[in-house]
Amino acid sequence: MSSDQQFFLKWNDFQTNMVTSFRHLRDEKSFTDENPSKHPIIILKDVSYIHLQAILEFMYAGEVNVSQEQLPAFLKTADRLKVKGLAETPSSIKREG
């Protein structure tokens, strides 16, 4: 079953969080282009290319379009990778009681 419906996900605090993150990286002198390997490989188990591409778009632009069909798996991947703005944080999880 295929659906053409798209969902637009936007991180409202994207700019503020990016500035804060870059400031922290600058203060810690974490910016670097040095790589010990000429052809580095990163293996992300159970992460599809389409979801990784969408997550990177979200991280760089603060927004991304994801199809209804892909949304549950996309959000699950984002949660496993703890993508800020998409993943649930302990403070955002409502406790039942």
Protein backbone atom coordinates (compact mmCIF):
# COMPACT_ATOMS: atom_id res chain seq x y z
CA MET A 1 0.00 0.00 0.00
CA SER A 2 1.62 3.22 -1.16
CA SER A 3 0.70 6.72 -0.06
CA ASP A 4 1.73 10.00 -1.64
CA GLN A 5 0.93 11.97 1.51
CA GLN A 6 3.98 13.79 2.88
CA PHE A 7 4.59 15.07 6.40
CA PHE A 8 6.61 18.23 6.98
CA LEU A 9 8.65 17.97 10.18
CA LYS A 10 10.27 21.14 11.48
CA TRP A 11 12.43 21.76 14.54
CA ASN A 12 11.20 25.08 15.92
CA ASP A 13 14.35 25.71 17.98
CA PHE A 14 16.75 24.64 15.20
CA GLN A 15 18.67 27.92 14.90
CA THR A 16 19.07 28.40 18.66
CA ASN A 17 20.27 24.81 19.14
CA MET A 18 22.71 25.01 16.22
CA VAL A 19 24.28 28.21 17.52
CA THR A 20 24.60 26.70 21.00
CA SER A 21 26.08 23.48 19.62
CA PHE A 22 28.59 25.28 17.40
CA ARG A 23 29.59 27.55 20.28
CA HIS A 24 30.25 24.47 22.43
CA LEU A 25 32.28 22.80 19.65
CA ARG A 26 34.31 25.98 19.17
CA ASP A 27 34.97 26.32 22.91
CA GLU A 28 36.05 22.67 23.12
CA LYS A 29 38.17 23.04 19.96
CA SER A 30 36.27 20.10 18.47
CA PHE A 31 36.17 21.42 14.90
CA THR A 32 38.49 19.30 12.81
CA ASP A 33 38.88 18.10 9.25
CA GLU A 34 41.59 15.61 10.09
CA ASN A 35 40.77 11.99 9.37
CA PRO A 36 43.27 9.18 10.05
CA SER A 37 41.91 7.04 7.20
CA LYS A 38 41.77 8.02 3.55
CA HIS A 39 38.53 6.05 3.05
CA PRO A 40 36.67 5.91 6.39
CA ILE A 41 33.70 3.57 6.76
CA ILE A 42 30.90 3.90 9.26
CA ILE A 43 28.45 1.02 9.65
CA LEU A 44 25.06 1.89 11.08
CA LYS A 45 23.18 -1.33 11.69
CA ASP A 46 19.53 -1.29 10.59
CA VAL A 47 19.72 2.29 9.28
CA SER A 48 18.49 2.67 5.71
CA TYR A 49 20.12 5.14 3.35
CA ILE A 50 16.83 6.97 2.76
CA HIS A 51 16.33 7.52 6.51
CA LEU A 52 19.94 8.60 7.05
CA GLN A 53 19.65 11.04 4.15
CA ALA A 54 16.43 12.49 5.62
CA ILE A 55 17.97 12.72 9.10
CA LEU A 56 20.97 14.60 7.71
CA GLU A 57 18.62 16.97 5.87
CA PHE A 58 16.76 17.58 9.15
CA MET A 59 20.01 18.15 11.05
CA TYR A 60 21.38 20.63 8.52
CA ALA A 61 18.17 22.44 7.57
CA GLY A 62 15.99 21.93 10.64
CA GLU A 63 13.21 20.50 8.49
CA VAL A 64 12.51 17.56 6.19
CA ASN A 65 9.66 16.01 4.19
CA VAL A 66 8.97 12.35 4.97
CA SER A 67 6.28 10.20 3.35
CA GLN A 68 3.51 8.82 5.54
CA GLU A 69 4.69 5.33 4.63
CA GLN A 70 8.25 6.05 5.85
CA LEU A 71 7.36 8.16 8.91
CA PRO A 72 7.21 5.40 11.61
CA ALA A 73 10.52 3.82 10.55
CA PHE A 74 12.13 7.25 10.11
CA LEU A 75 11.13 8.32 13.63
CA LYS A 76 12.30 4.97 15.05
CA THR A 77 15.70 5.44 13.40
CA ALA A 78 15.91 9.04 14.64
CA ASP A 79 15.08 7.85 18.16
CA ARG A 80 17.74 5.08 18.04
CA LEU A 81 20.32 7.62 16.88
CA LYS A 82 19.06 10.12 19.50
CA VAL A 83 18.60 12.88 16.91
CA LYS A 84 17.91 16.06 18.85
CA GLY A 85 14.58 17.55 17.80
CA LEU A 86 13.19 14.21 16.60
CA ALA A 87 14.02 11.72 19.35
CA GLU A 88 12.20 11.54 22.61
CA THR A 89 14.19 12.80 25.56
CA PRO A 90 13.53 11.66 29.14
CA SER A 91 11.91 15.02 29.92
CA SER A 92 9.57 14.75 26.92
CA ILE A 93 8.27 11.30 27.83
CA LYS A 94 5.05 11.62 29.80
CA ARG A 95 4.87 9.38 32.81
CA GLU A 96 1.61 7.59 33.49
CA GLY A 97 0.66 7.22 37.06
